[in-house]
């Protein structure tokens, strides 16, 4: 069978190379068309060269069509995989550093909180342009598989305003599934789970082994685990107080709620510095920066290293290739997908993007009715959904009043800052990110005037409670294997460890 798959943001080495391997592991897909597009010609050239080498070494004849002309890459595409980061590491740094001046200490800043909201403003503006291109030139039955964060906000905007059927995909559910199995001494495939909520705040509302419920003893099992008791303190505390384990990592989860990062002198009580994903200040920005620097420097060695092997046992847990396989071959796949709610989770809003179990086969994608989330987890999700809705509408309409309201309603921003501080923070972020926010032209100009007028609220030069320095290339050369793994992984939090383990 033959159809076209287009990768937008293909200069992302971690996602692109792995997702392509996953696709081409499927025997029926050895004659598909593949197109890569990215705004950065240099990154696009490197990733294309590397992936083309992998294809050749695996004995396939597919020739990657690579172009900075997005519409050319999207032409006649049946599936589009999106892994963009609008503004790159330059904008990402402002997502982390400017809020720190106001005491907002984020580990990641790409989903909620100040950084995630601004990332959404940049991403939504671009995603709507991408959707326009898809509607104009792609196949009429095209499916957009979005891997870009903030997952819920971007997927929400594409479905409501972009006119393109869009599903958001994440690997968070798989990680927690594996952890639940581990604390009971079981293998992941031995534990059946139902997970439901919103992306990065999805809850394991059911976990069973041979018909036996595992949720009742889960808190005690995590508290006794020699590693997780140190590395997942926030998640364990949320389990203690809300009754269910949450999908997202310790560092991610800590910035979505108001309780764990609002006081600088308490942050260290809740995090662990053995891995960035356990709560390090700006941790994801650091490892992404190191990964990009390493790939740029070490690329010639990547071309002489062994090629990726397209074999079933090497296939990752990323949902994308399995969804395409199910739709095209009819094979059944069960995963967890981000979709417009429409009653799937009864006590979350119908217009929200929820994450819940789904099934894929030749008949399409089916999402079973979950019913009500437990009241506590639903309340946590509903707070975040309110922020997401404000942020989406702000981005689509260029409405800085809604943007400021999203900041005020954000749990951690609201816990740390008062309204006047939030207004000034938004002004600073709008001005710093002006070139990626075309919808905010007049709002940016007004923000510039206010910042230039003086009488500003004092801020501070603050590095955060747990900031680590970016490693130099020379330092990374001391462990090339680790540096290459970091640069090449889509999931940079896969290997989590404790500093004490």
Protein backbone atom coordinates (compact mmCIF):
# COMPACT_ATOMS: atom_id res chain seq x y z
CA UNK A 1 0.00 0.00 0.00
CA UNK A 2 1.15 3.53 -0.64
CA UNK A 3 0.18 6.84 0.90
CA UNK A 4 2.03 9.98 1.93
CA UNK A 5 3.18 10.93 5.43
CA UNK A 6 4.49 14.45 6.05
CA UNK A 7 6.59 15.49 9.05
CA UNK A 8 6.32 19.16 10.08
CA UNK A 9 9.18 20.26 12.31
CA UNK A 10 11.32 17.47 10.88
CA UNK A 11 14.49 19.19 12.11
CA UNK A 12 13.63 17.73 15.53
CA UNK A 13 16.07 14.83 15.54
CA UNK A 14 14.58 13.05 18.53
CA UNK A 15 11.05 12.74 17.22
CA UNK A 16 11.61 12.53 13.48
CA UNK A 17 14.10 9.71 13.32
CA UNK A 18 12.30 7.52 15.85
CA UNK A 19 8.82 8.07 14.42
CA UNK A 20 10.07 7.28 10.92
CA UNK A 21 11.63 4.04 12.19
CA UNK A 22 8.35 3.11 13.88
CA UNK A 23 6.42 3.65 10.64
CA UNK A 24 8.83 1.77 8.42
CA UNK A 25 8.88 -1.17 10.82
CA UNK A 26 5.40 -2.02 9.49
CA UNK A 27 5.95 -4.39 6.52
CA UNK A 28 3.04 -2.98 4.52
CA UNK A 29 4.53 0.52 4.71
CA UNK A 30 7.73 -0.13 2.76
CA UNK A 31 6.43 1.77 -0.27
CA UNK A 32 4.95 4.84 1.39
CA UNK A 33 5.90 8.39 0.47
CA UNK A 34 7.72 10.44 3.12
CA UNK A 35 8.09 14.21 3.18
CA UNK A 36 10.07 16.32 5.69
CA UNK A 37 9.65 20.06 6.18
CA UNK A 38 11.22 22.52 8.60
CA UNK A 39 11.91 26.27 8.63
CA UNK A 40 15.60 25.62 9.39
CA UNK A 41 17.37 24.38 6.25
CA UNK A 42 20.48 23.28 8.16
CA UNK A 43 18.59 21.16 10.68
CA UNK A 44 16.41 19.74 7.93
CA UNK A 45 19.44 18.74 5.87
CA UNK A 46 21.12 16.95 8.77
CA UNK A 47 18.05 14.98 9.85
CA UNK A 48 17.16 14.09 6.25
CA UNK A 49 20.67 12.85 5.54
CA UNK A 50 20.67 10.72 8.68
CA UNK A 51 17.20 9.27 8.10
CA UNK A 52 17.94 8.59 4.43
CA UNK A 53 21.02 6.66 5.52
CA UNK A 54 18.84 4.60 7.94
CA UNK A 55 16.38 3.83 5.13
CA UNK A 56 19.17 2.75 2.79
CA UNK A 57 20.85 0.54 5.43
CA UNK A 58 17.52 -1.21 6.07
CA UNK A 59 17.23 -2.12 2.40
CA UNK A 60 14.31 0.15 1.51
CA UNK A 61 13.98 2.32 -1.60
CA UNK A 62 12.02 5.22 -0.12
CA UNK A 63 13.41 8.62 -1.00
CA UNK A 64 12.63 11.37 1.50
CA UNK A 65 11.19 14.51 -0.06
CA UNK A 66 12.67 17.34 2.03
CA UNK A 67 11.72 20.98 1.62
CA UNK A 68 11.43 24.22 3.55
CA UNK A 69 8.31 24.82 1.45
CA UNK A 70 5.67 23.45 3.79
CA UNK A 71 2.90 23.37 1.21
CA UNK A 72 5.06 21.30 -1.11
CA UNK A 73 5.71 18.76 1.65
CA UNK A 74 2.02 18.64 2.61
CA UNK A 75 0.75 18.16 -0.93
CA UNK A 76 -1.51 15.06 -1.06
CA UNK A 77 -0.40 13.93 2.43
CA UNK A 78 -2.83 11.53 4.13
CA UNK A 79 -1.11 11.75 7.52
CA UNK A 80 0.72 14.72 9.01
CA UNK A 81 2.94 14.38 12.07
CA UNK A 82 3.68 17.67 13.80
CA UNK A 83 6.62 18.15 16.19
CA UNK A 84 7.18 21.91 15.96
CA UNK A 85 8.64 24.16 18.66
CA UNK A 86 7.76 27.70 17.60
CA UNK A 87 10.55 30.09 18.53
CA UNK A 88 12.97 27.24 19.21
CA UNK A 89 15.28 27.36 22.19
CA UNK A 90 15.51 31.16 22.02
CA UNK A 91 11.83 31.63 22.85
CA UNK A 92 11.87 28.67 25.24
CA UNK A 93 14.53 30.43 27.33
CA UNK A 94 12.23 33.44 27.83
CA UNK A 95 9.40 31.08 28.88
CA UNK A 96 11.60 29.99 31.79
CA UNK A 97 13.77 33.01 32.59
CA UNK A 98 11.28 35.90 32.61
CA UNK A 99 8.85 34.21 35.04
CA UNK A 100 11.79 33.50 37.36
CA UNK A 101 12.16 37.27 37.83
CA UNK A 102 8.72 37.15 39.46
CA UNK A 103 9.46 34.05 41.55
CA UNK A 104 7.71 31.55 39.24
CA UNK A 105 10.02 28.53 39.25
CA UNK A 106 9.17 26.04 36.47
CA UNK A 107 10.76 22.71 35.68
CA UNK A 108 9.52 22.56 32.09
CA UNK A 109 7.16 25.39 31.19
CA UNK A 110 5.65 23.85 28.06
CA UNK A 111 2.14 22.79 29.10
CA UNK A 112 0.66 25.12 31.70
CA UNK A 113 1.99 27.91 33.95
CA UNK A 114 3.53 31.07 32.49
CA UNK A 115 5.80 29.29 30.03
CA UNK A 116 3.18 26.88 28.76
CA UNK A 117 0.63 29.63 28.21
CA UNK A 118 3.10 31.69 26.15
CA UNK A 119 4.29 28.62 24.27
CA UNK A 120 0.65 28.10 23.37
CA UNK A 121 0.32 31.67 22.06
CA UNK A 122 3.23 31.10 19.69
CA UNK A 123 2.20 27.59 18.73
CA UNK A 124 -1.48 28.25 18.07
CA UNK A 125 -0.74 31.15 15.73
CA UNK A 126 1.49 28.86 13.67
CA UNK A 127 -0.75 25.79 13.92
CA UNK A 128 -3.64 27.71 12.37
CA UNK A 129 -1.41 28.60 9.42
CA UNK A 130 -0.38 24.95 9.16
CA UNK A 131 -4.05 23.95 9.18
CA UNK A 132 -4.73 26.37 6.36
CA UNK A 133 -1.98 24.75 4.30
CA UNK A 134 -3.31 21.28 5.12
CA UNK A 135 -6.83 22.23 4.03
CA UNK A 136 -5.49 23.70 0.81
CA UNK A 137 -3.14 20.98 -0.42
CA UNK A 138 -3.30 17.77 1.65
CA UNK A 139 -5.54 14.77 1.04
CA UNK A 140 -9.24 15.47 1.82
CA UNK A 141 -9.28 12.73 4.49
CA UNK A 142 -6.04 13.91 6.14
CA UNK A 143 -5.37 13.20 9.81
CA UNK A 144 -3.10 15.51 11.83
CA UNK A 145 -1.18 13.71 14.58
CA UNK A 146 0.10 16.40 16.90
CA UNK A 147 3.08 15.76 19.17
CA UNK A 148 3.77 19.44 19.87
CA UNK A 149 3.13 21.05 23.25
CA UNK A 150 1.16 22.51 24.84
CA UNK A 151 -0.68 19.43 23.65
CA UNK A 152 -4.20 20.25 24.80
CA UNK A 153 -4.13 23.90 23.70
CA UNK A 154 -2.77 23.23 20.21
CA UNK A 155 -5.07 20.27 19.61
CA UNK A 156 -8.02 22.34 20.87
CA UNK A 157 -7.23 25.20 18.46
CA UNK A 158 -6.75 22.89 15.46
CA UNK A 159 -10.06 21.14 16.00
CA UNK A 160 -12.14 24.23 16.82
CA UNK A 161 -10.56 26.84 14.55
CA UNK A 162 -8.21 25.00 12.19
CA UNK A 163 -10.75 22.89 10.37
CA UNK A 164 -8.47 19.83 10.46
CA UNK A 165 -9.21 16.57 12.27
CA UNK A 166 -6.46 16.49 14.90
CA UNK A 167 -5.42 13.99 17.57
CA UNK A 168 -2.85 14.79 20.24
CA UNK A 169 -0.32 12.11 21.15
CA UNK A 170 1.85 11.79 24.25
CA UNK A 171 3.90 9.09 25.98
CA UNK A 172 3.05 10.03 29.59
CA UNK A 173 0.48 7.28 30.16
CA UNK A 174 2.97 4.55 29.24
CA UNK A 175 5.51 5.76 31.82
CA UNK A 176 3.16 5.73 34.78
CA UNK A 177 1.75 2.39 33.65
CA UNK A 178 5.23 0.95 33.86
CA UNK A 179 5.79 2.48 37.31
CA UNK A 180 2.56 1.03 38.71
CA UNK A 181 3.62 -2.40 37.50
CA UNK A 182 7.10 -1.97 38.96
CA UNK A 183 5.97 -1.05 42.48
CA UNK A 184 4.03 -4.35 42.55
CA UNK A 185 6.91 -6.34 41.08
CA UNK A 186 5.03 -6.97 37.84
CA UNK A 187 5.67 -6.41 34.14
CA UNK A 188 3.83 -3.61 32.35
CA UNK A 189 1.93 -6.04 30.12
CA UNK A 190 0.63 -7.85 33.22
CA UNK A 191 -1.22 -4.76 34.46
CA UNK A 192 -4.34 -3.49 32.71
CA UNK A 193 -5.11 0.20 33.21
CA UNK A 194 -7.74 2.78 32.41
CA UNK A 195 -6.35 6.28 32.45
CA UNK A 196 -8.47 9.38 31.94
CA UNK A 197 -8.21 13.14 32.37
CA UNK A 198 -6.38 15.79 30.37
CA UNK A 199 -2.90 15.64 28.88
CA UNK A 200 -0.22 15.61 31.60
CA UNK A 201 -2.99 15.40 34.23
CA UNK A 202 -4.42 12.02 33.35
CA UNK A 203 -5.34 9.71 36.24
CA UNK A 204 -5.02 5.94 36.57
CA UNK A 205 -8.60 5.39 37.66
CA UNK A 206 -8.29 1.63 37.23
CA UNK A 207 -5.34 -0.75 37.52
CA UNK A 208 -5.84 -4.51 37.61
CA UNK A 209 -3.75 -7.66 37.65
CA UNK A 210 -5.54 -10.91 36.86
CA UNK A 211 -8.82 -9.26 37.80
CA UNK A 212 -7.53 -7.93 41.14
CA UNK A 213 -7.77 -4.19 41.83
CA UNK A 214 -4.35 -2.58 42.39
CA UNK A 215 -5.41 0.99 43.16
CA UNK A 216 -6.24 0.43 46.83
CA UNK A 217 -2.70 -0.45 47.90
CA UNK A 218 -0.93 1.84 45.44
CA UNK A 219 0.04 4.60 47.88
CA UNK A 220 1.77 2.17 50.23
CA UNK A 221 3.51 0.46 47.30
CA UNK A 222 4.93 3.77 46.03
CA UNK A 223 5.97 4.91 49.52
CA UNK A 224 7.95 1.70 49.97
CA UNK A 225 9.63 1.78 46.55
CA UNK A 226 13.35 2.56 47.05
CA UNK A 227 13.60 4.93 44.07
CA UNK A 228 10.15 6.38 43.50
CA UNK A 229 9.78 7.35 47.16
CA UNK A 230 12.57 9.87 46.50
CA UNK A 231 11.99 10.84 42.87
CA UNK A 232 8.17 11.08 42.73
CA UNK A 233 7.35 12.95 45.93
CA UNK A 234 4.83 15.29 44.28
CA UNK A 235 3.02 12.48 42.50
CA UNK A 236 2.93 10.40 45.68
CA UNK A 237 1.56 13.34 47.64
CA UNK A 238 -1.12 13.92 45.01
CA UNK A 239 -1.95 10.20 45.23
CA UNK A 240 -2.16 10.54 49.01
CA UNK A 241 -4.52 13.50 48.86
CA UNK A 242 -6.59 12.80 45.73
CA UNK A 243 -6.62 9.00 45.77
CA UNK A 244 -5.27 8.36 42.26
CA UNK A 245 -1.86 8.36 40.61
CA UNK A 246 -1.24 10.98 37.91
CA UNK A 247 0.51 10.33 34.62
CA UNK A 248 2.95 13.16 34.55
CA UNK A 249 6.45 13.28 35.97
CA UNK A 250 7.33 14.83 39.32
CA UNK A 251 8.77 17.97 37.73
CA UNK A 252 5.94 18.47 35.26
CA UNK A 253 3.17 17.90 37.79
CA UNK A 254 4.76 20.21 40.36
CA UNK A 255 4.23 23.24 38.09
CA UNK A 256 0.58 22.51 37.20
CA UNK A 257 -0.78 22.86 40.74
CA UNK A 258 -0.34 25.65 43.32
CA UNK A 259 1.20 23.80 46.23
CA UNK A 260 4.72 22.52 45.54
CA UNK A 261 6.74 25.30 43.87
CA UNK A 262 5.31 28.51 45.31
CA UNK A 263 7.90 28.93 48.11
CA UNK A 264 11.54 28.86 47.10
CA UNK A 265 12.67 27.39 50.41
CA UNK A 266 10.27 24.42 50.06
CA UNK A 267 10.90 23.39 46.44
CA UNK A 268 13.88 21.20 47.33
CA UNK A 269 11.62 19.24 49.68
CA UNK A 270 9.59 18.01 46.72
CA UNK A 271 12.13 17.41 43.97
CA UNK A 272 15.22 15.33 43.23
CA UNK A 273 18.16 16.34 41.06
CA UNK A 274 19.14 12.88 39.84
CA UNK A 275 17.24 13.60 36.62
CA UNK A 276 15.92 16.89 35.25
CA UNK A 277 12.40 15.49 35.04
CA UNK A 278 12.23 15.06 38.80
CA UNK A 279 11.93 18.83 39.26
CA UNK A 280 15.10 20.73 38.28
CA UNK A 281 14.50 24.43 37.57
CA UNK A 282 14.48 24.87 33.79
CA UNK A 283 15.53 21.25 33.45
CA UNK A 284 13.94 20.55 30.09
CA UNK A 285 15.41 23.72 28.60
CA UNK A 286 18.84 22.57 29.76
CA UNK A 287 18.67 19.06 28.29
CA UNK A 288 17.17 20.34 25.03
CA UNK A 289 19.97 22.89 24.74
CA UNK A 290 22.58 20.24 25.43
CA UNK A 291 20.97 17.89 22.92
CA UNK A 292 20.92 20.47 20.15
CA UNK A 293 24.53 21.56 20.82
CA UNK A 294 25.68 17.95 20.84
CA UNK A 295 23.90 16.99 17.63
CA UNK A 296 25.33 20.04 15.84
CA UNK A 297 28.86 19.18 16.96
CA UNK A 298 28.78 15.40 16.78
CA UNK A 299 26.71 14.96 13.62
CA UNK A 300 29.58 13.54 11.49
CA UNK A 301 29.94 10.72 14.02
CA UNK A 302 26.20 9.97 13.84
CA UNK A 303 26.64 9.33 10.13
CA UNK A 304 29.29 6.67 10.75
CA UNK A 305 27.55 5.10 13.76
CA UNK A 306 25.31 2.10 13.12
CA UNK A 307 22.00 2.89 11.44
CA UNK A 308 18.70 2.49 13.25
CA UNK A 309 17.30 -1.00 12.77
CA UNK A 310 13.74 -1.19 11.47
CA UNK A 311 12.61 -4.19 13.49
CA UNK A 312 9.52 -4.86 15.60
CA UNK A 313 11.55 -5.20 18.80
CA UNK A 314 13.08 -1.74 18.22
CA UNK A 315 9.75 -0.01 17.72
CA UNK A 316 8.93 2.63 20.34
CA UNK A 317 5.75 3.10 22.38
CA UNK A 318 4.82 6.33 20.58
CA UNK A 319 1.22 6.00 19.39
CA UNK A 320 1.55 7.56 15.93
CA UNK A 321 2.73 4.61 13.86
CA UNK A 322 0.28 2.24 15.55
CA UNK A 323 -2.65 4.55 14.76
CA UNK A 324 -1.65 4.71 11.11
CA UNK A 325 -1.10 0.94 11.05
CA UNK A 326 -4.54 0.32 12.55
CA UNK A 327 -6.31 2.62 10.11
CA UNK A 328 -4.49 1.27 7.05
CA UNK A 329 -4.24 -2.46 7.82
CA UNK A 330 -7.20 -2.99 10.15
CA UNK A 331 -5.04 -4.34 12.98
CA UNK A 332 -6.47 -3.41 16.37
CA UNK A 333 -4.54 -0.95 18.53
CA UNK A 334 -5.45 0.31 21.97
CA UNK A 335 -3.84 3.48 23.30
CA UNK A 336 -4.61 6.75 25.04
CA UNK A 337 -5.36 9.71 22.79
CA UNK A 338 -6.08 13.42 23.15
CA UNK A 339 -9.43 14.18 21.54
CA UNK A 340 -12.31 16.66 21.82
CA UNK A 341 -14.30 15.40 24.82
CA UNK A 342 -17.87 15.38 23.48
CA UNK A 343 -19.12 13.46 26.51
CA UNK A 344 -16.34 10.88 26.80
CA UNK A 345 -15.56 12.10 30.34
CA UNK A 346 -18.93 13.21 31.67
CA UNK A 347 -17.80 15.71 34.32
CA UNK A 348 -15.28 17.56 32.14
CA UNK A 349 -16.45 20.16 29.57
CA UNK A 350 -17.50 18.84 26.17
CA UNK A 351 -15.27 21.31 24.30
CA UNK A 352 -12.12 20.42 26.23
CA UNK A 353 -9.35 18.18 24.91
CA UNK A 354 -9.32 15.10 27.11
CA UNK A 355 -6.93 12.15 27.22
CA UNK A 356 -8.65 8.77 27.46
CA UNK A 357 -8.50 5.19 26.14
CA UNK A 358 -9.12 4.74 22.44
CA UNK A 359 -9.22 1.92 19.91
CA UNK A 360 -8.05 2.01 16.30
CA UNK A 361 -8.80 -0.40 13.46
CA UNK A 362 -9.93 -0.24 9.85
CA UNK A 363 -13.21 1.35 10.93
CA UNK A 364 -11.49 4.39 12.43
CA UNK A 365 -10.72 5.69 15.92
CA UNK A 366 -13.24 4.85 18.64
CA UNK A 367 -13.27 6.45 22.09
CA UNK A 368 -15.35 4.56 24.70
CA UNK A 369 -17.48 6.44 27.23
CA UNK A 370 -15.47 6.77 30.46
CA UNK A 371 -18.16 8.38 32.62
CA UNK A 372 -17.31 10.60 35.56
CA UNK A 373 -13.80 11.09 36.86
CA UNK A 374 -13.57 10.96 40.66
CA UNK A 375 -14.48 14.41 41.98
CA UNK A 376 -11.01 15.40 43.21
CA UNK A 377 -9.13 14.59 40.00
CA UNK A 378 -11.93 16.18 37.98
CA UNK A 379 -11.55 19.38 40.00
CA UNK A 380 -7.81 19.49 39.31
CA UNK A 381 -8.44 19.00 35.59
CA UNK A 382 -11.21 21.59 35.44
CA UNK A 383 -8.93 24.30 36.83
CA UNK A 384 -6.40 23.59 34.08
CA UNK A 385 -9.11 23.42 31.41
CA UNK A 386 -10.23 26.93 32.36
CA UNK A 387 -6.68 28.18 31.82
CA UNK A 388 -6.43 26.30 28.51
CA UNK A 389 -9.72 27.72 27.21
CA UNK A 390 -8.70 31.30 28.04
CA UNK A 391 -5.27 30.75 26.47
CA UNK A 392 -6.70 29.25 23.27
CA UNK A 393 -9.21 32.07 22.78
CA UNK A 394 -6.51 34.65 23.56
CA UNK A 395 -4.15 33.18 20.98
CA UNK A 396 -6.77 32.84 18.25
CA UNK A 397 -8.13 36.35 18.66
CA UNK A 398 -4.97 38.16 19.78
CA UNK A 399 -6.80 39.22 22.94
CA UNK A 400 -4.28 40.20 25.60
CA UNK A 401 -7.02 40.67 28.20
CA UNK A 402 -7.90 36.99 27.93
CA UNK A 403 -4.19 36.19 27.99
CA UNK A 404 -3.78 38.05 31.28
CA UNK A 405 -6.82 36.29 32.68
CA UNK A 406 -5.26 32.94 31.73
CA UNK A 407 -2.16 33.93 33.71
CA UNK A 408 -4.27 34.96 36.69
CA UNK A 409 -6.22 31.70 36.68
CA UNK A 410 -3.10 29.56 36.32
CA UNK A 411 -2.59 27.70 39.63
CA UNK A 412 1.13 28.34 40.14
CA UNK A 413 1.23 31.86 38.69
CA UNK A 414 -1.70 32.83 40.93
CA UNK A 415 -0.08 31.25 43.97
CA UNK A 416 3.14 33.25 43.51
CA UNK A 417 2.10 36.61 41.99
CA UNK A 418 -0.47 39.31 42.65
CA UNK A 419 -2.51 40.88 39.81
CA UNK A 420 -0.20 43.88 39.26
CA UNK A 421 2.81 41.57 39.01
CA UNK A 422 0.95 39.33 36.56
CA UNK A 423 0.06 42.31 34.33
CA UNK A 424 3.71 43.41 34.22
CA UNK A 425 4.91 39.84 33.63
CA UNK A 426 2.60 39.49 30.63
CA UNK A 427 3.86 42.81 29.27
CA UNK A 428 7.45 41.60 29.52
CA UNK A 429 6.68 38.29 27.84
CA UNK A 430 4.71 39.86 25.00
CA UNK A 431 7.57 42.25 24.24
CA UNK A 432 10.26 39.55 24.52
CA UNK A 433 8.37 37.22 22.16
CA UNK A 434 7.06 39.84 19.74
CA UNK A 435 8.49 38.25 16.60
CA UNK A 436 6.57 35.00 17.21
CA UNK A 437 3.26 36.68 18.13
CA UNK A 438 1.88 38.32 14.99
CA UNK A 439 -1.65 38.37 16.40
CA UNK A 440 -0.63 40.68 19.27
CA UNK A 441 0.69 43.68 17.30
CA UNK A 442 -1.18 46.47 19.10
CA UNK A 443 -0.97 44.76 22.49
CA UNK A 444 2.81 44.52 22.17
CA UNK A 445 3.10 48.23 21.35
CA UNK A 446 1.02 49.16 24.39
CA UNK A 447 3.13 46.85 26.56
CA UNK A 448 6.30 48.55 25.32
CA UNK A 449 4.91 51.94 26.33
CA UNK A 450 4.05 50.76 29.84
CA UNK A 451 7.46 49.16 30.35
CA UNK A 452 9.22 52.30 29.09
CA UNK A 453 7.20 54.61 31.31
CA UNK A 454 8.96 53.46 34.46
CA UNK A 455 7.42 53.01 37.91
CA UNK A 456 7.75 49.27 37.45
CA UNK A 457 7.28 46.69 40.15
CA UNK A 458 10.76 45.57 41.27
CA UNK A 459 11.83 42.13 40.07
CA UNK A 460 14.88 40.09 40.98
CA UNK A 461 17.77 38.32 39.35
CA UNK A 462 16.74 34.81 40.36
CA UNK A 463 18.11 31.55 39.01
CA UNK A 464 15.53 29.39 40.74
CA UNK A 465 15.69 26.96 43.62
CA UNK A 466 17.33 24.14 41.66
CA UNK A 467 19.01 25.43 38.49
CA UNK A 468 21.89 23.46 36.99
CA UNK A 469 24.34 24.77 34.41
CA UNK A 470 24.15 23.70 30.77
CA UNK A 471 26.97 21.26 30.04
CA UNK A 472 29.56 22.31 27.52
CA UNK A 473 30.28 20.12 24.50
CA UNK A 474 33.61 19.28 26.12
CA UNK A 475 31.86 18.08 29.26
CA UNK A 476 29.43 16.00 27.22
CA UNK A 477 32.32 14.41 25.32
CA UNK A 478 33.29 12.64 28.53
CA UNK A 479 30.21 10.44 28.10
CA UNK A 480 29.41 10.41 24.40
CA UNK A 481 26.90 7.58 24.75
CA UNK A 482 24.78 9.54 27.23
CA UNK A 483 25.01 12.75 25.19
CA UNK A 484 23.98 10.97 21.99
CA UNK A 485 21.09 9.23 23.74
CA UNK A 486 19.81 12.55 25.11
CA UNK A 487 20.03 14.24 21.72
CA UNK A 488 18.38 11.36 19.89
CA UNK A 489 15.45 10.68 22.23
CA UNK A 490 12.02 12.17 21.64
CA UNK A 491 11.25 11.33 25.26
CA UNK A 492 14.06 12.99 27.18
CA UNK A 493 12.62 11.84 30.49
CA UNK A 494 12.61 8.14 29.69
CA UNK A 495 15.51 7.31 31.98
CA UNK A 496 14.72 8.74 35.38
CA UNK A 497 17.02 8.24 38.32
CA UNK A 498 17.49 9.49 41.84
CA UNK A 499 20.60 11.37 42.87
CA UNK A 500 20.75 9.00 45.84
CA UNK A 501 20.09 5.77 43.99
